[in-house]
Amino acid sequence: MTLRPSDGFPELLVRPIRPDDKECLVAGLGRLSERSVYQRFLSPKPRLTASELRYLTEVDFTNHYALVAVLAKHPEVLVAVGRWVRDAEDPSAAEVAIVVADDLQGRGVGTSLGGALAAAARERGVDRFTALMLPTNTAAHRLFARISDQLAAGATATLAA
């Protein structure tokens, strides 16, 4: 799936995360503001451990599904990550999380990524998303509502390989 954010930002490519995205993920995290990191992980996160990197990049796409958005002309530059993890006790539910580079927030990237996540979830039998968010993160609450609506409406998406 190709995205063209508003304001003339370069074209983005959305694709499934890969095990070889570890370095890109670390670099992308390093470009986030402290505020964005805190809002995503609900705590300060100066770096990811090797175990966390494996968990975040080596997914099965059945119970743990993850997508990345990269610059189309520079695919090593990761600018957004979205994922859902199926609830082990309720397989029809999954926890969703999305983080978008600070300079792309508010330009529709999170909503587009969320729509693709919702489509993949629906195809795999997930019909409800949950999320852990700070009460003060109003942008995340609005995004979660849009993504939940897309899941309920039967969202569809076509991704790049």
C-alpha atoms as a PDB file:
ATOM      1  CA  MET A   1       0.000   0.000   0.000  1.00  0.00           C
ATOM      2  CA  THR A   2       1.324   3.429  -0.898  1.00  0.00           C
ATOM      3  CA  LEU A   3       0.539   6.524   1.183  1.00  0.00           C
ATOM      4  CA  ARG A   4       0.863  10.139   0.172  1.00  0.00           C
ATOM      5  CA  PRO A   5       0.752  12.213   3.364  1.00  0.00           C
ATOM      6  CA  SER A   6      -0.552  15.760   3.201  1.00  0.00           C
ATOM      7  CA  ASP A   7       1.711  18.810   2.902  1.00  0.00           C
ATOM      8  CA  GLY A   8       3.934  17.334   0.197  1.00  0.00           C
ATOM      9  CA  PHE A   9       5.735  14.838   2.439  1.00  0.00           C
ATOM     10  CA  PRO A  10       7.468  12.080   0.417  1.00  0.00           C
ATOM     11  CA  GLU A  11       5.511   8.982  -0.568  1.00  0.00           C
ATOM     12  CA  LEU A  12       5.385   6.135   1.955  1.00  0.00           C
ATOM     13  CA  LEU A  13       5.210   2.392   1.437  1.00  0.00           C
ATOM     14  CA  VAL A  14       3.319   0.219   3.958  1.00  0.00           C
ATOM     15  CA  ARG A  15       4.464  -3.394   4.208  1.00  0.00           C
ATOM     16  CA  PRO A  16       4.640  -6.250   6.716  1.00  0.00           C
ATOM     17  CA  ILE A  17       7.441  -5.997   9.245  1.00  0.00           C
ATOM     18  CA  ARG A  18      10.407  -8.324   8.677  1.00  0.00           C
ATOM     19  CA  PRO A  19      13.032  -9.819  10.988  1.00  0.00           C
ATOM     20  CA  ASP A  20      15.692  -7.757   9.197  1.00  0.00           C
ATOM     21  CA  ASP A  21      13.918  -4.518  10.235  1.00  0.00           C
ATOM     22  CA  LYS A  22      15.622  -4.525  13.651  1.00  0.00           C
ATOM     23  CA  GLU A  23      18.154  -1.783  12.802  1.00  0.00           C
ATOM     24  CA  CYS A  24      15.484   0.322  11.080  1.00  0.00           C
ATOM     25  CA  LEU A  25      13.259  -0.031  14.151  1.00  0.00           C
ATOM     26  CA  VAL A  26      16.057   1.083  16.483  1.00  0.00           C
ATOM     27  CA  ALA A  27      16.828   4.060  14.230  1.00  0.00           C
ATOM     28  CA  GLY A  28      13.144   4.972  14.003  1.00  0.00           C
ATOM     29  CA  LEU A  29      12.766   4.857  17.780  1.00  0.00           C
ATOM     30  CA  GLY A  30      15.828   7.089  18.042  1.00  0.00           C
ATOM     31  CA  ARG A  31      14.138   9.726  15.870  1.00  0.00           C
ATOM     32  CA  LEU A  32      11.021   9.880  18.065  1.00  0.00           C
ATOM     33  CA  SER A  33      10.631  12.600  20.666  1.00  0.00           C
ATOM     34  CA  GLU A  34      10.701  11.555  24.329  1.00  0.00           C
ATOM     35  CA  ARG A  35       6.984  12.380  24.450  1.00  0.00           C
ATOM     36  CA  SER A  36       6.135  10.056  21.534  1.00  0.00           C
ATOM     37  CA  VAL A  37       8.220   7.237  23.023  1.00  0.00           C
ATOM     38  CA  TYR A  38       6.518   7.692  26.397  1.00  0.00           C
ATOM     39  CA  GLN A  39       3.064   7.709  24.825  1.00  0.00           C
ATOM     40  CA  ARG A  40       3.811   4.517  22.865  1.00  0.00           C
ATOM     41  CA  PHE A  41       5.463   2.479  25.631  1.00  0.00           C
ATOM     42  CA  LEU A  42       3.781   4.201  28.622  1.00  0.00           C
ATOM     43  CA  SER A  43       7.225   4.711  30.161  1.00  0.00           C
ATOM     44  CA  PRO A  44      10.613   6.113  29.153  1.00  0.00           C
ATOM     45  CA  LYS A  45      12.302   3.727  26.713  1.00  0.00           C
ATOM     46  CA  PRO A  46      15.873   4.757  25.923  1.00  0.00           C
ATOM     47  CA  ARG A  47      16.551   1.586  23.925  1.00  0.00           C
ATOM     48  CA  LEU A  48      15.084  -1.781  23.019  1.00  0.00           C
ATOM     49  CA  THR A  49      16.644  -4.983  24.308  1.00  0.00           C
ATOM     50  CA  ALA A  50      17.593  -7.808  21.932  1.00  0.00           C
ATOM     51  CA  SER A  51      14.612  -9.778  23.240  1.00  0.00           C
ATOM     52  CA  GLU A  52      12.226  -6.861  22.609  1.00  0.00           C
ATOM     53  CA  LEU A  53      13.606  -6.411  19.091  1.00  0.00           C
ATOM     54  CA  ARG A  54      12.992 -10.084  18.323  1.00  0.00           C
ATOM     55  CA  TYR A  55       9.456  -9.847  19.717  1.00  0.00           C
ATOM     56  CA  LEU A  56       8.697  -6.703  17.711  1.00  0.00           C
ATOM     57  CA  THR A  57      10.133  -7.888  14.373  1.00  0.00           C
ATOM     58  CA  GLU A  58       9.752 -11.677  14.333  1.00  0.00           C
ATOM     59  CA  VAL A  59       5.974 -12.007  14.235  1.00  0.00           C
ATOM     60  CA  ASP A  60       3.769 -14.880  13.059  1.00  0.00           C
ATOM     61  CA  PHE A  61       1.125 -12.745  11.254  1.00  0.00           C
ATOM     62  CA  THR A  62      -1.606 -14.899  12.806  1.00  0.00           C
ATOM     63  CA  ASN A  63      -1.563 -13.961  16.485  1.00  0.00           C
ATOM     64  CA  HIS A  64       0.918 -11.094  16.218  1.00  0.00           C
ATOM     65  CA  TYR A  65       0.611  -8.922  13.124  1.00  0.00           C
ATOM     66  CA  ALA A  66       2.789  -5.883  12.395  1.00  0.00           C
ATOM     67  CA  LEU A  67       3.170  -3.369   9.586  1.00  0.00           C
ATOM     68  CA  VAL A  68       5.715  -0.638   8.951  1.00  0.00           C
ATOM     69  CA  ALA A  69       5.577   2.529   6.882  1.00  0.00           C
ATOM     70  CA  VAL A  70       8.865   3.450   5.213  1.00  0.00           C
ATOM     71  CA  LEU A  71       9.929   6.197   2.836  1.00  0.00           C
ATOM     72  CA  ALA A  72       9.296   4.827  -0.661  1.00  0.00           C
ATOM     73  CA  LYS A  73      12.574   6.259  -1.989  1.00  0.00           C
ATOM     74  CA  HIS A  74      14.529   5.317   1.154  1.00  0.00           C
ATOM     75  CA  PRO A  75      12.993   2.049   2.405  1.00  0.00           C
ATOM     76  CA  GLU A  76      15.519   1.819   5.237  1.00  0.00           C
ATOM     77  CA  VAL A  77      13.860   4.857   6.873  1.00  0.00           C
ATOM     78  CA  LEU A  78      11.022   3.592   9.037  1.00  0.00           C
ATOM     79  CA  VAL A  79       8.481   6.305   9.920  1.00  0.00           C
ATOM     80  CA  ALA A  80       5.592   4.359  11.486  1.00  0.00           C
ATOM     81  CA  VAL A  81       4.858   0.978  13.031  1.00  0.00           C
ATOM     82  CA  GLY A  82       1.499  -0.564  13.791  1.00  0.00           C
ATOM     83  CA  ARG A  83       0.682  -3.927  15.275  1.00  0.00           C
ATOM     84  CA  TRP A  84      -1.935  -6.011  16.955  1.00  0.00           C
ATOM     85  CA  VAL A  85      -1.481  -8.983  19.260  1.00  0.00           C
ATOM     86  CA  ARG A  86      -4.330 -11.438  19.695  1.00  0.00           C
ATOM     87  CA  ASP A  87      -5.662 -11.885  23.227  1.00  0.00           C
ATOM     88  CA  ALA A  88      -4.803 -15.436  24.336  1.00  0.00           C
ATOM     89  CA  GLU A  89      -7.991 -15.655  26.436  1.00  0.00           C
ATOM     90  CA  ASP A  90     -10.282 -14.122  23.798  1.00  0.00           C
ATOM     91  CA  PRO A  91      -9.064 -14.899  20.253  1.00  0.00           C
ATOM     92  CA  SER A  92     -11.635 -12.538  18.758  1.00  0.00           C
ATOM     93  CA  ALA A  93      -9.885  -9.575  20.435  1.00  0.00           C
ATOM     94  CA  ALA A  94      -6.445  -8.064  19.906  1.00  0.00           C
ATOM     95  CA  GLU A  95      -4.465  -5.258  21.493  1.00  0.00           C
ATOM     96  CA  VAL A  96      -3.468  -2.654  18.909  1.00  0.00           C
ATOM     97  CA  ALA A  97      -0.599  -0.147  19.040  1.00  0.00           C
ATOM     98  CA  ILE A  98       0.621   2.420  16.516  1.00  0.00           C
ATOM     99  CA  VAL A  99       3.471   4.903  16.603  1.00  0.00           C
ATOM    100  CA  VAL A 100       4.109   7.516  13.919  1.00  0.00           C
ATOM    101  CA  ALA A 101       7.177   9.737  13.495  1.00  0.00           C
ATOM    102  CA  ASP A 102       6.629  13.141  15.068  1.00  0.00           C
ATOM    103  CA  ASP A 103       6.838  15.034  11.755  1.00  0.00           C
ATOM    104  CA  LEU A 104       4.110  12.825  10.248  1.00  0.00           C
ATOM    105  CA  GLN A 105       1.629  12.886  13.116  1.00  0.00           C
ATOM    106  CA  GLY A 106      -1.721  14.367  12.157  1.00  0.00           C
ATOM    107  CA  ARG A 107      -1.281  13.644   8.435  1.00  0.00           C
ATOM    108  CA  GLY A 108      -3.362  10.469   8.144  1.00  0.00           C
ATOM    109  CA  VAL A 109      -0.516   7.951   8.402  1.00  0.00           C
ATOM    110  CA  GLY A 110      -1.790   6.408  11.649  1.00  0.00           C
ATOM    111  CA  THR A 111      -5.335   6.201  10.297  1.00  0.00           C
ATOM    112  CA  SER A 112      -4.171   4.509   7.079  1.00  0.00           C
ATOM    113  CA  LEU A 113      -1.942   2.097   8.980  1.00  0.00           C
ATOM    114  CA  GLY A 114      -4.821   1.391  11.352  1.00  0.00           C
ATOM    115  CA  GLY A 115      -7.131   0.617   8.446  1.00  0.00           C
ATOM    116  CA  ALA A 116      -4.647  -1.925   7.097  1.00  0.00           C
ATOM    117  CA  LEU A 117      -4.310  -3.462  10.563  1.00  0.00           C
ATOM    118  CA  ALA A 118      -8.101  -3.649  10.881  1.00  0.00           C
ATOM    119  CA  ALA A 119      -8.392  -5.394   7.505  1.00  0.00           C
ATOM    120  CA  ALA A 120      -5.753  -7.971   8.477  1.00  0.00           C
ATOM    121  CA  ALA A 121      -7.390  -8.508  11.863  1.00  0.00           C
ATOM    122  CA  ARG A 122     -10.822  -9.074  10.357  1.00  0.00           C
ATOM    123  CA  GLU A 123      -9.364 -11.608   7.860  1.00  0.00           C
ATOM    124  CA  ARG A 124      -7.889 -13.499  10.821  1.00  0.00           C
ATOM    125  CA  GLY A 125     -11.033 -13.600  12.952  1.00  0.00           C
ATOM    126  CA  VAL A 126     -10.394 -10.577  15.168  1.00  0.00           C
ATOM    127  CA  ASP A 127     -13.467  -8.400  15.538  1.00  0.00           C
ATOM    128  CA  ARG A 128     -12.497  -6.179  18.478  1.00  0.00           C
ATOM    129  CA  PHE A 129      -9.446  -4.080  19.318  1.00  0.00           C
ATOM    130  CA  THR A 130      -8.272  -3.051  22.766  1.00  0.00           C
ATOM    131  CA  ALA A 131      -5.489  -0.586  23.563  1.00  0.00           C
ATOM    132  CA  LEU A 132      -3.519   0.750  26.496  1.00  0.00           C
ATOM    133  CA  MET A 133      -3.310   4.546  26.254  1.00  0.00           C
ATOM    134  CA  LEU A 134      -2.541   7.425  28.541  1.00  0.00           C
ATOM    135  CA  PRO A 135      -5.746   9.296  29.425  1.00  0.00           C
ATOM    136  CA  THR A 136      -4.086  12.526  28.254  1.00  0.00           C
ATOM    137  CA  ASN A 137      -3.191  11.156  24.792  1.00  0.00           C
ATOM    138  CA  THR A 138      -6.279  12.485  23.032  1.00  0.00           C
ATOM    139  CA  ALA A 139      -4.827  11.893  19.553  1.00  0.00           C
ATOM    140  CA  ALA A 140      -4.424   8.180  20.349  1.00  0.00           C
ATOM    141  CA  HIS A 141      -7.985   7.995  21.678  1.00  0.00           C
ATOM    142  CA  ARG A 142      -9.333   9.547  18.443  1.00  0.00           C
ATOM    143  CA  LEU A 143      -7.176   7.213  16.331  1.00  0.00           C
ATOM    144  CA  PHE A 144      -8.347   4.175  18.317  1.00  0.00           C
ATOM    145  CA  ALA A 145     -11.986   5.145  17.724  1.00  0.00           C
ATOM    146  CA  ARG A 146     -11.374   5.448  13.958  1.00  0.00           C
ATOM    147  CA  ILE A 147      -9.537   2.113  13.810  1.00  0.00           C
ATOM    148  CA  SER A 148     -12.250   0.368  15.822  1.00  0.00           C
ATOM    149  CA  ASP A 149     -14.857   1.770  13.422  1.00  0.00           C
ATOM    150  CA  GLN A 150     -12.835   0.476  10.447  1.00  0.00           C
ATOM    151  CA  LEU A 151     -12.622  -2.978  12.029  1.00  0.00           C
ATOM    152  CA  ALA A 152     -16.373  -3.047  12.656  1.00  0.00           C
ATOM    153  CA  ALA A 153     -17.077  -1.867   9.101  1.00  0.00           C
ATOM    154  CA  GLY A 154     -14.978  -4.652   7.554  1.00  0.00           C
ATOM    155  CA  ALA A 155     -12.001  -2.591   6.338  1.00  0.00           C
ATOM    156  CA  THR A 156      -9.984  -3.860   3.375  1.00  0.00           C
ATOM    157  CA  ALA A 157      -6.427  -3.035   2.279  1.00  0.00           C
ATOM    158  CA  THR A 158      -3.851  -4.145  -0.268  1.00  0.00           C
ATOM    159  CA  LEU A 159      -0.250  -4.084   0.954  1.00  0.00           C
ATOM    160  CA  ALA A 160       3.094  -3.991  -0.777  1.00  0.00           C
ATOM    161  CA  ALA A 161       5.146  -7.180  -0.626  1.00  0.00           C
END
